[in-house]
Amino acid sequence: MKGIIAAFATILVMAFFAGTISAQDIEFKKSDQWEFMYEIDGVNFYYKATECHDESQGYHREYVLLKLENTNDYSVVVDYDVEMYFHNECFNCGDKLNSEHHRTAYIEGNSTIEGTCTIGEDKTLKIFSRFLNYDNPKATLTNFKLINKQITKK
């Protein structure tokens, strides 16, 4: 009987952790409204897809912009890496993930920061999705993941 109870307890613990891990994955949908991703240590993560245009430079791109909301009463540093999937294949997973895909953001207590379309802006809160003036499904972002997330009190 003890063996059955131990096995049942093990299954429950495994199910709990599996739910916790999968809860970090989001279903990426191209929305022009802020979509909630998750909350980690008082920081809410949001994203939205946005068309960015600069007619004078022929700049026509779609980006996924991120918004980070710090609900703590103290400042934090948010670190994460971005995995990007184009045509459902990971562009930079495993050995391809490097410092170019690492992001660090500083957020004051009880404040929010968000990405914008500004050209030349720091790409911390911006993920390239596709060129709008080219139709190539293989060069279109189909998913992304923020991995190695770490929130540090500053």
Protein backbone atom coordinates (compact mmCIF):
# COMPACT_ATOMS: atom_id res chain seq x y z
CA MET A 1 0.00 0.00 0.00
CA LYS A 2 2.88 2.38 0.84
CA GLY A 3 4.30 1.78 -2.64
CA ILE A 4 1.03 2.81 -4.30
CA ILE A 5 0.80 5.99 -2.20
CA ALA A 6 4.45 6.86 -2.95
CA ALA A 7 3.91 6.28 -6.68
CA PHE A 8 0.75 8.43 -6.65
CA ALA A 9 2.58 11.23 -4.77
CA THR A 10 5.44 11.07 -7.30
CA ILE A 11 3.00 11.35 -10.20
CA LEU A 12 1.28 14.35 -8.58
CA VAL A 13 4.62 16.12 -8.03
CA MET A 14 5.69 15.42 -11.63
CA ALA A 15 2.34 16.69 -12.96
CA PHE A 16 2.68 19.88 -10.89
CA PHE A 17 6.18 20.63 -12.23
CA ALA A 18 5.19 19.75 -15.80
CA GLY A 19 2.31 22.23 -15.52
CA THR A 20 4.66 24.87 -14.13
CA ILE A 21 7.14 24.40 -16.95
CA SER A 22 4.57 24.41 -19.74
CA ALA A 23 2.87 27.46 -18.22
CA GLN A 24 5.95 29.44 -19.32
CA ASP A 25 5.25 28.64 -22.99
CA ILE A 26 2.87 30.98 -24.71
CA GLU A 27 0.77 30.55 -27.80
CA PHE A 28 2.11 33.22 -30.14
CA LYS A 29 -0.59 35.02 -32.04
CA LYS A 30 0.04 38.10 -34.12
CA SER A 31 -2.07 40.62 -32.31
CA ASP A 32 -1.78 44.40 -32.45
CA GLN A 33 -2.98 44.53 -28.83
CA TRP A 34 -0.79 43.86 -25.82
CA GLU A 35 -1.00 40.15 -24.99
CA PHE A 36 -0.06 38.95 -21.50
CA MET A 37 2.68 36.31 -21.51
CA TYR A 38 3.53 35.66 -17.86
CA GLU A 39 4.52 37.14 -14.52
CA ILE A 40 7.87 36.44 -12.89
CA ASP A 41 8.89 37.89 -9.52
CA GLY A 42 6.60 40.90 -9.85
CA VAL A 43 7.40 41.61 -13.51
CA ASN A 44 4.63 41.18 -16.10
CA PHE A 45 5.67 40.35 -19.67
CA TYR A 46 3.51 41.41 -22.64
CA TYR A 47 3.97 41.38 -26.42
CA LYS A 48 2.28 42.68 -29.55
CA ALA A 49 3.02 42.58 -33.29
CA THR A 50 3.47 45.98 -34.92
CA GLU A 51 4.13 47.24 -38.43
CA CYS A 52 6.96 49.77 -38.50
CA HIS A 53 7.36 52.11 -41.48
CA ASP A 54 9.79 54.85 -42.44
CA GLU A 55 8.87 55.88 -46.00
CA SER A 56 11.92 58.12 -46.46
CA GLN A 57 14.29 55.18 -45.87
CA GLY A 58 12.12 52.47 -47.44
CA TYR A 59 11.86 50.80 -44.05
CA HIS A 60 8.89 48.42 -43.84
CA ARG A 61 9.16 45.77 -41.14
CA GLU A 62 7.03 43.95 -38.67
CA TYR A 63 8.33 43.60 -35.12
CA VAL A 64 7.14 41.92 -31.98
CA LEU A 65 7.38 44.59 -29.32
CA LEU A 66 7.72 43.70 -25.66
CA LYS A 67 6.35 45.53 -22.65
CA LEU A 68 7.70 44.86 -19.17
CA GLU A 69 5.73 46.06 -16.16
CA ASN A 70 7.47 46.09 -12.78
CA THR A 71 4.82 45.83 -10.05
CA ASN A 72 7.43 45.83 -7.28
CA ASP A 73 8.17 48.97 -5.26
CA TYR A 74 11.88 48.55 -6.07
CA SER A 75 13.89 48.64 -9.30
CA VAL A 76 14.81 45.42 -11.09
CA VAL A 77 17.11 44.23 -13.84
CA VAL A 78 15.49 41.77 -16.25
CA ASP A 79 17.74 39.43 -18.25
CA TYR A 80 16.57 36.98 -20.89
CA ASP A 81 17.50 35.37 -24.19
CA VAL A 82 15.24 35.34 -27.26
CA GLU A 83 14.70 32.17 -29.28
CA MET A 84 13.14 32.92 -32.67
CA TYR A 85 11.26 30.50 -34.89
CA PHE A 86 10.88 31.22 -38.60
CA HIS A 87 8.60 28.96 -40.64
CA ASN A 88 8.28 26.84 -37.46
CA GLU A 89 12.03 26.13 -37.31
CA CYS A 90 14.22 27.52 -34.59
CA PHE A 91 16.62 30.08 -36.02
CA ASN A 92 18.92 30.35 -33.02
CA CYS A 93 18.39 27.40 -30.66
CA GLY A 94 21.16 25.52 -28.90
CA ASP A 95 24.63 26.37 -30.17
CA LYS A 96 23.23 29.18 -32.36
CA LEU A 97 22.07 31.14 -29.30
CA ASN A 98 24.68 33.81 -28.59
CA SER A 99 25.13 37.21 -26.99
CA GLU A 100 23.31 38.87 -29.91
CA HIS A 101 20.10 37.30 -28.62
CA HIS A 102 20.62 38.24 -24.96
CA ARG A 103 18.62 41.16 -23.59
CA THR A 104 18.93 43.19 -20.40
CA ALA A 105 16.40 45.79 -19.25
CA TYR A 106 16.37 48.06 -16.20
CA ILE A 107 12.94 48.97 -14.82
CA GLU A 108 12.22 51.41 -12.00
CA GLY A 109 9.82 50.29 -9.27
CA ASN A 110 6.11 50.49 -10.18
CA SER A 111 6.81 51.44 -13.78
CA THR A 112 6.60 50.08 -17.31
CA ILE A 113 8.92 50.07 -20.31
CA GLU A 114 7.96 49.09 -23.85
CA GLY A 115 9.51 48.71 -27.27
CA THR A 116 8.78 51.11 -30.10
CA CYS A 117 9.31 51.31 -33.85
CA THR A 118 12.07 53.90 -33.57
CA ILE A 119 14.84 53.09 -36.05
CA GLY A 120 18.24 52.68 -34.43
CA GLU A 121 16.61 52.14 -31.05
CA ASP A 122 18.10 49.58 -28.72
CA LYS A 123 16.55 46.23 -29.66
CA THR A 124 16.07 45.07 -26.06
CA LEU A 125 12.29 45.22 -26.35
CA LYS A 126 11.96 44.45 -30.06
CA ILE A 127 12.06 41.15 -31.98
CA PHE A 128 12.28 41.12 -35.79
CA SER A 129 9.28 39.37 -37.34
CA ARG A 130 9.42 39.98 -41.11
CA PHE A 131 9.99 42.41 -43.96
CA LEU A 132 6.63 43.82 -45.04
CA ASN A 133 7.70 44.55 -48.61
CA TYR A 134 8.74 40.92 -49.32
CA ASP A 135 6.45 37.91 -49.34
CA ASN A 136 8.52 34.99 -48.09
CA PRO A 137 6.77 32.65 -45.63
CA LYS A 138 10.10 31.04 -44.69
CA ALA A 139 11.35 34.43 -43.50
CA THR A 140 8.38 35.11 -41.21
CA LEU A 141 8.49 34.77 -37.43
CA THR A 142 6.06 32.04 -36.41
CA ASN A 143 6.97 31.85 -32.73
CA PHE A 144 9.40 33.16 -30.15
CA LYS A 145 10.39 32.23 -26.63
CA LEU A 146 12.01 34.23 -23.87
CA ILE A 147 14.36 31.82 -22.12
CA ASN A 148 16.90 32.02 -19.29
CA LYS A 149 14.75 34.68 -17.67
CA GLN A 150 16.19 36.24 -14.52
CA ILE A 151 14.84 39.09 -12.40
CA THR A 152 17.32 40.75 -10.05
CA LYS A 153 16.48 43.36 -7.42
CA LYS A 154 18.53 46.49 -8.04
